[in-house]
């Protein structure tokens, strides 16, 4: 799970997120959504975040960039609570041993 502020900066992350991306908590708390989004998707982040805020939540698929450069596909569910808390839950689409590899069909 991750929590972000209005500037798309991470304000809290779980240990699982740190393990998934290979960053320490301190490193992630210095980053924004844009910075850990796969480069080919970064241009979409501001509009997607705007929709998320306006709708009070959003779900879908996204691709993150791990510290070592691997693309990590995830499914996310995000919600904006009445008190302004912004939270998202991520579910990796591949098993941990498969990160960075193509899955055989």
PDB file of N, CA and C in Angstrom:
ATOM      1  N   UNK A   1       0.838  -1.180   0.000  1.00  0.00           N
ATOM      2  CA  UNK A   1       0.000   0.000   0.000  1.00  0.00           C
ATOM      3  C   UNK A   1       0.880   1.239   0.000  1.00  0.00           C
ATOM      4  N   UNK A   2       0.376   2.272  -0.639  1.00  0.00           N
ATOM      5  CA  UNK A   2       1.070   3.556  -0.689  1.00  0.00           C
ATOM      6  C   UNK A   2       0.083   4.668  -0.370  1.00  0.00           C
ATOM      7  N   UNK A   3       0.606   5.726   0.211  1.00  0.00           N
ATOM      8  CA  UNK A   3      -0.161   6.930   0.491  1.00  0.00           C
ATOM      9  C   UNK A   3       0.560   8.084  -0.173  1.00  0.00           C
ATOM     10  N   UNK A   4      -0.187   8.979  -0.829  1.00  0.00           N
ATOM     11  CA  UNK A   4       0.419  10.108  -1.531  1.00  0.00           C
ATOM     12  C   UNK A   4      -0.241  11.416  -1.105  1.00  0.00           C
ATOM     13  N   UNK A   5       0.475  12.518  -1.361  1.00  0.00           N
ATOM     14  CA  UNK A   5      -0.101  13.837  -1.093  1.00  0.00           C
ATOM     15  C   UNK A   5      -0.632  14.431  -2.398  1.00  0.00           C
ATOM     16  N   UNK A   6      -1.087  15.660  -2.338  1.00  0.00           N
ATOM     17  CA  UNK A   6      -1.679  16.320  -3.503  1.00  0.00           C
ATOM     18  C   UNK A   6      -0.669  16.569  -4.620  1.00  0.00           C
ATOM     19  N   UNK A   7       0.615  16.523  -4.293  1.00  0.00           N
ATOM     20  CA  UNK A   7       1.670  16.713  -5.290  1.00  0.00           C
ATOM     21  C   UNK A   7       2.193  15.395  -5.853  1.00  0.00           C
ATOM     22  N   UNK A   8       1.471  14.310  -5.581  1.00  0.00           N
ATOM     23  CA  UNK A   8       1.809  12.959  -6.058  1.00  0.00           C
ATOM     24  C   UNK A   8       3.087  12.429  -5.406  1.00  0.00           C
ATOM     25  N   UNK A   9       3.474  12.988  -4.269  1.00  0.00           N
ATOM     26  CA  UNK A   9       4.658  12.543  -3.536  1.00  0.00           C
ATOM     27  C   UNK A   9       4.235  11.481  -2.520  1.00  0.00           C
ATOM     28  N   UNK A  10       5.039  10.425  -2.404  1.00  0.00           N
ATOM     29  CA  UNK A  10       4.749   9.372  -1.430  1.00  0.00           C
ATOM     30  C   UNK A  10       4.965   9.899  -0.021  1.00  0.00           C
ATOM     31  N   UNK A  11       3.984   9.662   0.847  1.00  0.00           N
ATOM     32  CA  UNK A  11       4.101  10.079   2.241  1.00  0.00           C
ATOM     33  C   UNK A  11       4.178   8.877   3.171  1.00  0.00           C
ATOM     34  N   UNK A  12       3.807   7.696   2.674  1.00  0.00           N
ATOM     35  CA  UNK A  12       3.976   6.443   3.427  1.00  0.00           C
ATOM     36  C   UNK A  12       3.901   5.288   2.445  1.00  0.00           C
ATOM     37  N   UNK A  13       4.701   4.274   2.688  1.00  0.00           N
ATOM     38  CA  UNK A  13       4.716   3.063   1.877  1.00  0.00           C
ATOM     39  C   UNK A  13       4.911   1.873   2.802  1.00  0.00           C
ATOM     40  N   UNK A  14       4.384   0.734   2.402  1.00  0.00           N
ATOM     41  CA  UNK A  14       4.566  -0.472   3.211  1.00  0.00           C
ATOM     42  C   UNK A  14       5.888  -1.150   2.850  1.00  0.00           C
ATOM     43  N   UNK A  15       6.298  -2.071   3.712  1.00  0.00           N
ATOM     44  CA  UNK A  15       7.514  -2.847   3.450  1.00  0.00           C
ATOM     45  C   UNK A  15       7.404  -3.604   2.131  1.00  0.00           C
ATOM     46  N   UNK A  16       6.208  -4.102   1.817  1.00  0.00           N
ATOM     47  CA  UNK A  16       6.011  -4.845   0.572  1.00  0.00           C
ATOM     48  C   UNK A  16       6.311  -4.011  -0.657  1.00  0.00           C
ATOM     49  N   UNK A  17       5.959  -2.740  -0.634  1.00  0.00           N
ATOM     50  CA  UNK A  17       6.251  -1.842  -1.751  1.00  0.00           C
ATOM     51  C   UNK A  17       7.764  -1.646  -1.878  1.00  0.00           C
ATOM     52  N   UNK A  18       8.423  -1.471  -0.755  1.00  0.00           N
ATOM     53  CA  UNK A  18       9.886  -1.325  -0.774  1.00  0.00           C
ATOM     54  C   UNK A  18      10.537  -2.563  -1.386  1.00  0.00           C
ATOM     55  N   UNK A  19      10.094  -3.735  -0.974  1.00  0.00           N
ATOM     56  CA  UNK A  19      10.644  -4.981  -1.504  1.00  0.00           C
ATOM     57  C   UNK A  19      10.343  -5.128  -2.990  1.00  0.00           C
ATOM     58  N   UNK A  20       9.128  -4.794  -3.390  1.00  0.00           N
ATOM     59  CA  UNK A  20       8.725  -4.915  -4.784  1.00  0.00           C
ATOM     60  C   UNK A  20       9.604  -4.077  -5.698  1.00  0.00           C
ATOM     61  N   UNK A  21       9.898  -2.843  -5.280  1.00  0.00           N
ATOM     62  CA  UNK A  21      10.636  -1.913  -6.134  1.00  0.00           C
ATOM     63  C   UNK A  21      12.131  -1.860  -5.866  1.00  0.00           C
ATOM     64  N   UNK A  22      12.576  -2.414  -4.736  1.00  0.00           N
ATOM     65  CA  UNK A  22      13.997  -2.419  -4.417  1.00  0.00           C
ATOM     66  C   UNK A  22      14.521  -1.129  -3.816  1.00  0.00           C
ATOM     67  N   UNK A  23      13.639  -0.249  -3.402  1.00  0.00           N
ATOM     68  CA  UNK A  23      14.031   1.006  -2.754  1.00  0.00           C
ATOM     69  C   UNK A  23      13.853   0.893  -1.252  1.00  0.00           C
ATOM     70  N   UNK A  24      14.602   1.667  -0.502  1.00  0.00           N
ATOM     71  CA  UNK A  24      14.358   1.792   0.931  1.00  0.00           C
ATOM     72  C   UNK A  24      13.143   2.706   1.114  1.00  0.00           C
ATOM     73  N   UNK A  25      12.557   2.671   2.282  1.00  0.00           N
ATOM     74  CA  UNK A  25      11.424   3.549   2.588  1.00  0.00           C
ATOM     75  C   UNK A  25      11.835   5.018   2.395  1.00  0.00           C
ATOM     76  N   UNK A  26      13.004   5.379   2.891  1.00  0.00           N
ATOM     77  CA  UNK A  26      13.472   6.755   2.777  1.00  0.00           C
ATOM     78  C   UNK A  26      13.607   7.182   1.316  1.00  0.00           C
ATOM     79  N   UNK A  27      14.103   6.284   0.471  1.00  0.00           N
ATOM     80  CA  UNK A  27      14.228   6.611  -0.953  1.00  0.00           C
ATOM     81  C   UNK A  27      12.859   6.841  -1.582  1.00  0.00           C
ATOM     82  N   UNK A  28      11.901   5.972  -1.264  1.00  0.00           N
ATOM     83  CA  UNK A  28      10.565   6.118  -1.847  1.00  0.00           C
ATOM     84  C   UNK A  28       9.855   7.372  -1.346  1.00  0.00           C
ATOM     85  N   UNK A  29      10.056   7.737  -0.096  1.00  0.00           N
ATOM     86  CA  UNK A  29       9.396   8.922   0.446  1.00  0.00           C
ATOM     87  C   UNK A  29       9.960  10.212  -0.150  1.00  0.00           C
ATOM     88  N   UNK A  30      11.046  10.108  -0.878  1.00  0.00           N
ATOM     89  CA  UNK A  30      11.613  11.265  -1.576  1.00  0.00           C
ATOM     90  C   UNK A  30      11.177  11.304  -3.039  1.00  0.00           C
ATOM     91  N   UNK A  31      10.293  10.391  -3.432  1.00  0.00           N
ATOM     92  CA  UNK A  31       9.895  10.278  -4.837  1.00  0.00           C
ATOM     93  C   UNK A  31       8.416  10.615  -5.037  1.00  0.00           C
ATOM     94  N   UNK A  32       8.076  10.828  -6.313  1.00  0.00           N
ATOM     95  CA  UNK A  32       6.692  11.043  -6.712  1.00  0.00           C
ATOM     96  C   UNK A  32       6.226   9.851  -7.546  1.00  0.00           C
ATOM     97  N   UNK A  33       4.927   9.793  -7.765  1.00  0.00           N
ATOM     98  CA  UNK A  33       4.363   8.754  -8.640  1.00  0.00           C
ATOM     99  C   UNK A  33       5.068   8.788  -9.988  1.00  0.00           C
ATOM    100  N   UNK A  34       5.259   9.980 -10.514  1.00  0.00           N
ATOM    101  CA  UNK A  34       5.879  10.141 -11.830  1.00  0.00           C
ATOM    102  C   UNK A  34       7.252   9.474 -11.900  1.00  0.00           C
ATOM    103  N   UNK A  35       8.033   9.617 -10.836  1.00  0.00           N
ATOM    104  CA  UNK A  35       9.414   9.132 -10.844  1.00  0.00           C
ATOM    105  C   UNK A  35       9.537   7.615 -10.825  1.00  0.00           C
ATOM    106  N   UNK A  36       8.529   6.907 -10.326  1.00  0.00           N
ATOM    107  CA  UNK A  36       8.627   5.445 -10.333  1.00  0.00           C
ATOM    108  C   UNK A  36       7.694   4.813 -11.355  1.00  0.00           C
ATOM    109  N   UNK A  37       7.072   5.652 -12.179  1.00  0.00           N
ATOM    110  CA  UNK A  37       6.272   5.153 -13.290  1.00  0.00           C
ATOM    111  C   UNK A  37       7.210   4.837 -14.444  1.00  0.00           C
ATOM    112  N   UNK A  38       6.935   3.750 -15.154  1.00  0.00           N
ATOM    113  CA  UNK A  38       7.746   3.418 -16.325  1.00  0.00           C
ATOM    114  C   UNK A  38       7.779   4.633 -17.256  1.00  0.00           C
ATOM    115  N   UNK A  39       8.948   4.972 -17.792  1.00  0.00           N
ATOM    116  CA  UNK A  39       9.102   6.202 -18.584  1.00  0.00           C
ATOM    117  C   UNK A  39       8.079   6.372 -19.706  1.00  0.00           C
ATOM    118  N   UNK A  40       7.709   5.289 -20.354  1.00  0.00           N
ATOM    119  CA  UNK A  40       6.771   5.386 -21.467  1.00  0.00           C
ATOM    120  C   UNK A  40       5.355   5.763 -21.025  1.00  0.00           C
ATOM    121  N   UNK A  41       5.072   5.722 -19.719  1.00  0.00           N
ATOM    122  CA  UNK A  41       3.746   6.066 -19.195  1.00  0.00           C
ATOM    123  C   UNK A  41       3.722   7.390 -18.421  1.00  0.00           C
ATOM    124  N   UNK A  42       4.863   8.000 -18.204  1.00  0.00           N
ATOM    125  CA  UNK A  42       4.939   9.190 -17.340  1.00  0.00           C
ATOM    126  C   UNK A  42       4.071  10.347 -17.819  1.00  0.00           C
ATOM    127  N   UNK A  43       3.947  10.539 -19.108  1.00  0.00           N
ATOM    128  CA  UNK A  43       3.154  11.661 -19.624  1.00  0.00           C
ATOM    129  C   UNK A  43       1.681  11.532 -19.230  1.00  0.00           C
ATOM    130  N   UNK A  44       1.212  10.317 -18.938  1.00  0.00           N
ATOM    131  CA  UNK A  44      -0.185  10.085 -18.578  1.00  0.00           C
ATOM    132  C   UNK A  44      -0.476  10.339 -17.102  1.00  0.00           C
ATOM    133  N   UNK A  45       0.552  10.404 -16.270  1.00  0.00           N
ATOM    134  CA  UNK A  45       0.359  10.467 -14.821  1.00  0.00           C
ATOM    135  C   UNK A  45      -0.467  11.679 -14.374  1.00  0.00           C
ATOM    136  N   UNK A  46      -0.178  12.904 -14.811  1.00  0.00           N
ATOM    137  CA  UNK A  46      -0.966  14.032 -14.313  1.00  0.00           C
ATOM    138  C   UNK A  46      -2.462  13.900 -14.595  1.00  0.00           C
ATOM    139  N   UNK A  47      -2.829  13.485 -15.790  1.00  0.00           N
ATOM    140  CA  UNK A  47      -4.250  13.334 -16.124  1.00  0.00           C
ATOM    141  C   UNK A  47      -4.889  12.183 -15.355  1.00  0.00           C
ATOM    142  N   UNK A  48      -4.193  11.075 -15.230  1.00  0.00           N
ATOM    143  CA  UNK A  48      -4.727   9.938 -14.471  1.00  0.00           C
ATOM    144  C   UNK A  48      -4.928  10.333 -13.010  1.00  0.00           C
ATOM    145  N   UNK A  49      -3.982  11.068 -12.447  1.00  0.00           N
ATOM    146  CA  UNK A  49      -4.104  11.507 -11.051  1.00  0.00           C
ATOM    147  C   UNK A  49      -5.285  12.467 -10.898  1.00  0.00           C
ATOM    148  N   UNK A  50      -5.482  13.361 -11.860  1.00  0.00           N
ATOM    149  CA  UNK A  50      -6.620  14.275 -11.828  1.00  0.00           C
ATOM    150  C   UNK A  50      -7.934  13.496 -11.828  1.00  0.00           C
ATOM    151  N   UNK A  51      -8.038  12.485 -12.677  1.00  0.00           N
ATOM    152  CA  UNK A  51      -9.243  11.653 -12.718  1.00  0.00           C
ATOM    153  C   UNK A  51      -9.446  10.935 -11.386  1.00  0.00           C
ATOM    154  N   UNK A  52      -8.382  10.430 -10.819  1.00  0.00           N
ATOM    155  CA  UNK A  52      -8.430   9.746  -9.531  1.00  0.00           C
ATOM    156  C   UNK A  52      -8.995  10.668  -8.450  1.00  0.00           C
ATOM    157  N   UNK A  53      -8.512  11.894  -8.384  1.00  0.00           N
ATOM    158  CA  UNK A  53      -8.991  12.857  -7.386  1.00  0.00           C
ATOM    159  C   UNK A  53     -10.456  13.207  -7.655  1.00  0.00           C
ATOM    160  N   UNK A  54     -10.799  13.505  -8.893  1.00  0.00           N
ATOM    161  CA  UNK A  54     -12.166  13.907  -9.239  1.00  0.00           C
ATOM    162  C   UNK A  54     -13.188  12.803  -8.997  1.00  0.00           C
ATOM    163  N   UNK A  55     -12.806  11.576  -9.254  1.00  0.00           N
ATOM    164  CA  UNK A  55     -13.734  10.443  -9.088  1.00  0.00           C
ATOM    165  C   UNK A  55     -13.734   9.885  -7.669  1.00  0.00           C
ATOM    166  N   UNK A  56     -12.724  10.221  -6.893  1.00  0.00           N
ATOM    167  CA  UNK A  56     -12.624   9.684  -5.540  1.00  0.00           C
ATOM    168  C   UNK A  56     -12.021   8.295  -5.496  1.00  0.00           C
ATOM    169  N   UNK A  57     -11.475   7.858  -6.603  1.00  0.00           N
ATOM    170  CA  UNK A  57     -10.843   6.549  -6.664  1.00  0.00           C
ATOM    171  C   UNK A  57     -10.668   6.130  -8.105  1.00  0.00           C
ATOM    172  N   UNK A  58      -9.845   5.137  -8.299  1.00  0.00           N
ATOM    173  CA  UNK A  58      -9.561   4.633  -9.634  1.00  0.00           C
ATOM    174  C   UNK A  58      -8.951   3.256  -9.488  1.00  0.00           C
ATOM    175  N   UNK A  59      -9.134   2.433 -10.487  1.00  0.00           N
ATOM    176  CA  UNK A  59      -8.456   1.142 -10.508  1.00  0.00           C
ATOM    177  C   UNK A  59      -8.049   0.833 -11.927  1.00  0.00           C
ATOM    178  N   UNK A  60      -7.024   0.004 -12.049  1.00  0.00           N
ATOM    179  CA  UNK A  60      -6.543  -0.349 -13.373  1.00  0.00           C
ATOM    180  C   UNK A  60      -5.194  -1.024 -13.300  1.00  0.00           C
ATOM    181  N   UNK A  61      -4.489  -0.950 -14.423  1.00  0.00           N
ATOM    182  CA  UNK A  61      -3.156  -1.529 -14.537  1.00  0.00           C
ATOM    183  C   UNK A  61      -2.156  -0.419 -14.800  1.00  0.00           C
ATOM    184  N   UNK A  62      -0.942  -0.655 -14.339  1.00  0.00           N
ATOM    185  CA  UNK A  62       0.105   0.352 -14.467  1.00  0.00           C
ATOM    186  C   UNK A  62       1.441  -0.388 -14.541  1.00  0.00           C
ATOM    187  N   UNK A  63       2.475   0.305 -14.932  1.00  0.00           N
ATOM    188  CA  UNK A  63       3.805  -0.284 -14.965  1.00  0.00           C
ATOM    189  C   UNK A  63       4.748   0.619 -14.191  1.00  0.00           C
ATOM    190  N   UNK A  64       5.411   0.036 -13.205  1.00  0.00           N
ATOM    191  CA  UNK A  64       6.333   0.767 -12.350  1.00  0.00           C
ATOM    192  C   UNK A  64       7.769   0.475 -12.755  1.00  0.00           C
ATOM    193  N   UNK A  65       8.665   1.352 -12.354  1.00  0.00           N
ATOM    194  CA  UNK A  65      10.081   1.188 -12.638  1.00  0.00           C
ATOM    195  C   UNK A  65      10.801   0.892 -11.327  1.00  0.00           C
ATOM    196  N   UNK A  66      11.351  -0.311 -11.222  1.00  0.00           N
ATOM    197  CA  UNK A  66      12.110  -0.701 -10.028  1.00  0.00           C
ATOM    198  C   UNK A  66      13.447   0.038 -10.007  1.00  0.00           C
ATOM    199  N   UNK A  67      14.073   0.038  -8.866  1.00  0.00           N
ATOM    200  CA  UNK A  67      15.357   0.720  -8.697  1.00  0.00           C
ATOM    201  C   UNK A  67      16.392   0.212  -9.693  1.00  0.00           C
ATOM    202  N   UNK A  68      16.346  -1.083 -10.006  1.00  0.00           N
ATOM    203  CA  UNK A  68      17.323  -1.656 -10.935  1.00  0.00           C
ATOM    204  C   UNK A  68      16.909  -1.537 -12.408  1.00  0.00           C
ATOM    205  N   UNK A  69      15.808  -0.803 -12.667  1.00  0.00           N
ATOM    206  CA  UNK A  69      15.390  -0.564 -14.050  1.00  0.00           C
ATOM    207  C   UNK A  69      14.356  -1.522 -14.599  1.00  0.00           C
ATOM    208  N   UNK A  70      14.028  -2.574 -13.850  1.00  0.00           N
ATOM    209  CA  UNK A  70      13.000  -3.516 -14.333  1.00  0.00           C
ATOM    210  C   UNK A  70      11.638  -2.844 -14.353  1.00  0.00           C
ATOM    211  N   UNK A  71      10.815  -3.197 -15.346  1.00  0.00           N
ATOM    212  CA  UNK A  71       9.418  -2.768 -15.392  1.00  0.00           C
ATOM    213  C   UNK A  71       8.623  -3.771 -14.575  1.00  0.00           C
ATOM    214  N   UNK A  72       7.774  -3.285 -13.688  1.00  0.00           N
ATOM    215  CA  UNK A  72       6.953  -4.153 -12.856  1.00  0.00           C
ATOM    216  C   UNK A  72       5.490  -3.833 -13.115  1.00  0.00           C
ATOM    217  N   UNK A  73       4.793  -4.723 -13.815  1.00  0.00           N
ATOM    218  CA  UNK A  73       3.367  -4.486 -14.071  1.00  0.00           C
ATOM    219  C   UNK A  73       2.546  -4.769 -12.808  1.00  0.00           C
ATOM    220  N   UNK A  74       1.614  -3.868 -12.531  1.00  0.00           N
ATOM    221  CA  UNK A  74       0.764  -4.035 -11.351  1.00  0.00           C
ATOM    222  C   UNK A  74      -0.694  -3.783 -11.705  1.00  0.00           C
ATOM    223  N   UNK A  75      -1.549  -4.261 -10.849  1.00  0.00           N
ATOM    224  CA  UNK A  75      -2.957  -3.871 -10.834  1.00  0.00           C
ATOM    225  C   UNK A  75      -3.086  -3.016  -9.586  1.00  0.00           C
ATOM    226  N   UNK A  76      -3.793  -1.880  -9.697  1.00  0.00           N
ATOM    227  CA  UNK A  76      -3.935  -1.003  -8.537  1.00  0.00           C
ATOM    228  C   UNK A  76      -5.402  -0.692  -8.273  1.00  0.00           C
ATOM    229  N   UNK A  77      -5.701  -0.446  -7.027  1.00  0.00           N
ATOM    230  CA  UNK A  77      -6.993   0.064  -6.585  1.00  0.00           C
ATOM    231  C   UNK A  77      -6.678   1.246  -5.685  1.00  0.00           C
ATOM    232  N   UNK A  78      -7.203   2.418  -6.036  1.00  0.00           N
ATOM    233  CA  UNK A  78      -6.901   3.612  -5.262  1.00  0.00           C
ATOM    234  C   UNK A  78      -8.185   4.289  -4.808  1.00  0.00           C
ATOM    235  N   UNK A  79      -8.099   4.988  -3.691  1.00  0.00           N
ATOM    236  CA  UNK A  79      -9.270   5.640  -3.120  1.00  0.00           C
ATOM    237  C   UNK A  79      -8.855   6.937  -2.456  1.00  0.00           C
ATOM    238  N   UNK A  80      -9.738   7.933  -2.573  1.00  0.00           N
ATOM    239  CA  UNK A  80      -9.571   9.183  -1.837  1.00  0.00           C
ATOM    240  C   UNK A  80     -10.649   9.185  -0.761  1.00  0.00           C
ATOM    241  N   UNK A  81     -10.224   9.234   0.485  1.00  0.00           N
ATOM    242  CA  UNK A  81     -11.168   9.229   1.602  1.00  0.00           C
ATOM    243  C   UNK A  81     -11.664  10.643   1.892  1.00  0.00           C
ATOM    244  N   UNK A  82     -12.817  10.755   2.555  1.00  0.00           N
ATOM    245  CA  UNK A  82     -13.385  12.086   2.840  1.00  0.00           C
ATOM    246  C   UNK A  82     -12.430  13.035   3.562  1.00  0.00           C
ATOM    247  N   UNK A  83     -11.533  12.488   4.371  1.00  0.00           N
ATOM    248  CA  UNK A  83     -10.586  13.348   5.089  1.00  0.00           C
ATOM    249  C   UNK A  83      -9.405  13.778   4.208  1.00  0.00           C
ATOM    250  N   UNK A  84      -9.416  13.362   2.923  1.00  0.00           N
ATOM    251  CA  UNK A  84      -8.350  13.730   1.994  1.00  0.00           C
ATOM    252  C   UNK A  84      -7.245  12.705   1.871  1.00  0.00           C
ATOM    253  N   UNK A  85      -7.281  11.659   2.682  1.00  0.00           N
ATOM    254  CA  UNK A  85      -6.280  10.602   2.607  1.00  0.00           C
ATOM    255  C   UNK A  85      -6.352   9.943   1.229  1.00  0.00           C
ATOM    256  N   UNK A  86      -5.204   9.789   0.590  1.00  0.00           N
ATOM    257  CA  UNK A  86      -5.110   9.173  -0.739  1.00  0.00           C
ATOM    258  C   UNK A  86      -4.286   7.902  -0.620  1.00  0.00           C
ATOM    259  N   UNK A  87      -4.907   6.769  -0.902  1.00  0.00           N
ATOM    260  CA  UNK A  87      -4.245   5.488  -0.702  1.00  0.00           C
ATOM    261  C   UNK A  87      -4.448   4.592  -1.920  1.00  0.00           C
ATOM    262  N   UNK A  88      -3.467   3.751  -2.168  1.00  0.00           N
ATOM    263  CA  UNK A  88      -3.574   2.773  -3.255  1.00  0.00           C
ATOM    264  C   UNK A  88      -2.994   1.445  -2.798  1.00  0.00           C
ATOM    265  N   UNK A  89      -3.623   0.395  -3.269  1.00  0.00           N
ATOM    266  CA  UNK A  89      -3.133  -0.964  -3.040  1.00  0.00           C
ATOM    267  C   UNK A  89      -2.658  -1.496  -4.379  1.00  0.00           C
ATOM    268  N   UNK A  90      -1.453  -2.059  -4.383  1.00  0.00           N
ATOM    269  CA  UNK A  90      -0.861  -2.609  -5.603  1.00  0.00           C
ATOM    270  C   UNK A  90      -0.798  -4.119  -5.517  1.00  0.00           C
ATOM    271  N   UNK A  91      -1.082  -4.766  -6.627  1.00  0.00           N
ATOM    272  CA  UNK A  91      -0.929  -6.212  -6.744  1.00  0.00           C
ATOM    273  C   UNK A  91      -0.058  -6.485  -7.963  1.00  0.00           C
ATOM    274  N   UNK A  92       1.147  -7.020  -7.767  1.00  0.00           N
ATOM    275  CA  UNK A  92       1.990  -7.344  -8.925  1.00  0.00           C
ATOM    276  C   UNK A  92       1.269  -8.345  -9.829  1.00  0.00           C
ATOM    277  N   UNK A  93       1.416  -8.173 -11.121  1.00  0.00           N
ATOM    278  CA  UNK A  93       0.769  -9.072 -12.075  1.00  0.00           C
ATOM    279  C   UNK A  93       1.592 -10.321 -12.335  1.00  0.00           C
ATOM    280  N   UNK A  94       2.867 -10.303 -11.984  1.00  0.00           N
ATOM    281  CA  UNK A  94       3.735 -11.474 -12.119  1.00  0.00           C
ATOM    282  C   UNK A  94       4.137 -11.950 -10.739  1.00  0.00           C
ATOM    283  N   UNK A  95       4.542 -13.173 -10.629  1.00  0.00           N
ATOM    284  CA  UNK A  95       5.090 -13.687  -9.384  1.00  0.00           C
ATOM    285  C   UNK A  95       6.464 -13.066  -9.175  1.00  0.00           C
ATOM    286  N   UNK A  96       6.908 -12.888  -7.914  1.00  0.00           N
ATOM    287  CA  UNK A  96       8.203 -12.235  -7.666  1.00  0.00           C
ATOM    288  C   UNK A  96       9.359 -12.835  -8.457  1.00  0.00           C
ATOM    289  N   UNK A  97       9.399 -14.148  -8.616  1.00  0.00           N
ATOM    290  CA  UNK A  97      10.508 -14.754  -9.343  1.00  0.00           C
ATOM    291  C   UNK A  97      10.449 -14.434 -10.834  1.00  0.00           C
ATOM    292  N   UNK A  98       9.320 -13.910 -11.320  1.00  0.00           N
ATOM    293  CA  UNK A  98       9.153 -13.605 -12.729  1.00  0.00           C
ATOM    294  C   UNK A  98       9.426 -12.146 -13.062  1.00  0.00           C
ATOM    295  N   UNK A  99       9.714 -11.287 -12.087  1.00  0.00           N
ATOM    296  CA  UNK A  99       9.924  -9.872 -12.392  1.00  0.00           C
ATOM    297  C   UNK A  99      11.014  -9.727 -13.430  1.00  0.00           C
ATOM    298  N   UNK A 100      10.712  -8.907 -14.430  1.00  0.00           N
ATOM    299  CA  UNK A 100      11.675  -8.636 -15.477  1.00  0.00           C
ATOM    300  C   UNK A 100      11.691  -9.678 -16.577  1.00  0.00           C
ATOM    301  N   UNK A 101      10.887 -10.738 -16.452  1.00  0.00           N
ATOM    302  CA  UNK A 101      10.831 -11.778 -17.473  1.00  0.00           C
ATOM    303  C   UNK A 101       9.456 -11.768 -18.135  1.00  0.00           C
ATOM    304  N   UNK A 102       9.413 -12.237 -19.351  1.00  0.00           N
ATOM    305  CA  UNK A 102       8.131 -12.451 -20.025  1.00  0.00           C
ATOM    306  C   UNK A 102       7.523 -13.733 -19.498  1.00  0.00           C
ATOM    307  N   UNK A 103       6.251 -13.730 -19.257  1.00  0.00           N
ATOM    308  CA  UNK A 103       5.587 -14.943 -18.777  1.00  0.00           C
ATOM    309  C   UNK A 103       5.179 -15.799 -19.973  1.00  0.00           C
ATOM    310  N   UNK A 104       5.407 -17.066 -19.852  1.00  0.00           N
ATOM    311  CA  UNK A 104       4.994 -18.008 -20.900  1.00  0.00           C
ATOM    312  C   UNK A 104       3.501 -18.229 -20.791  1.00  0.00           C
ATOM    313  N   UNK A 105       2.823 -18.251 -21.934  1.00  0.00           N
ATOM    314  CA  UNK A 105       1.381 -18.480 -21.941  1.00  0.00           C
ATOM    315  C   UNK A 105       1.076 -19.957 -22.071  1.00  0.00           C
TER     316      UNK A 105
END
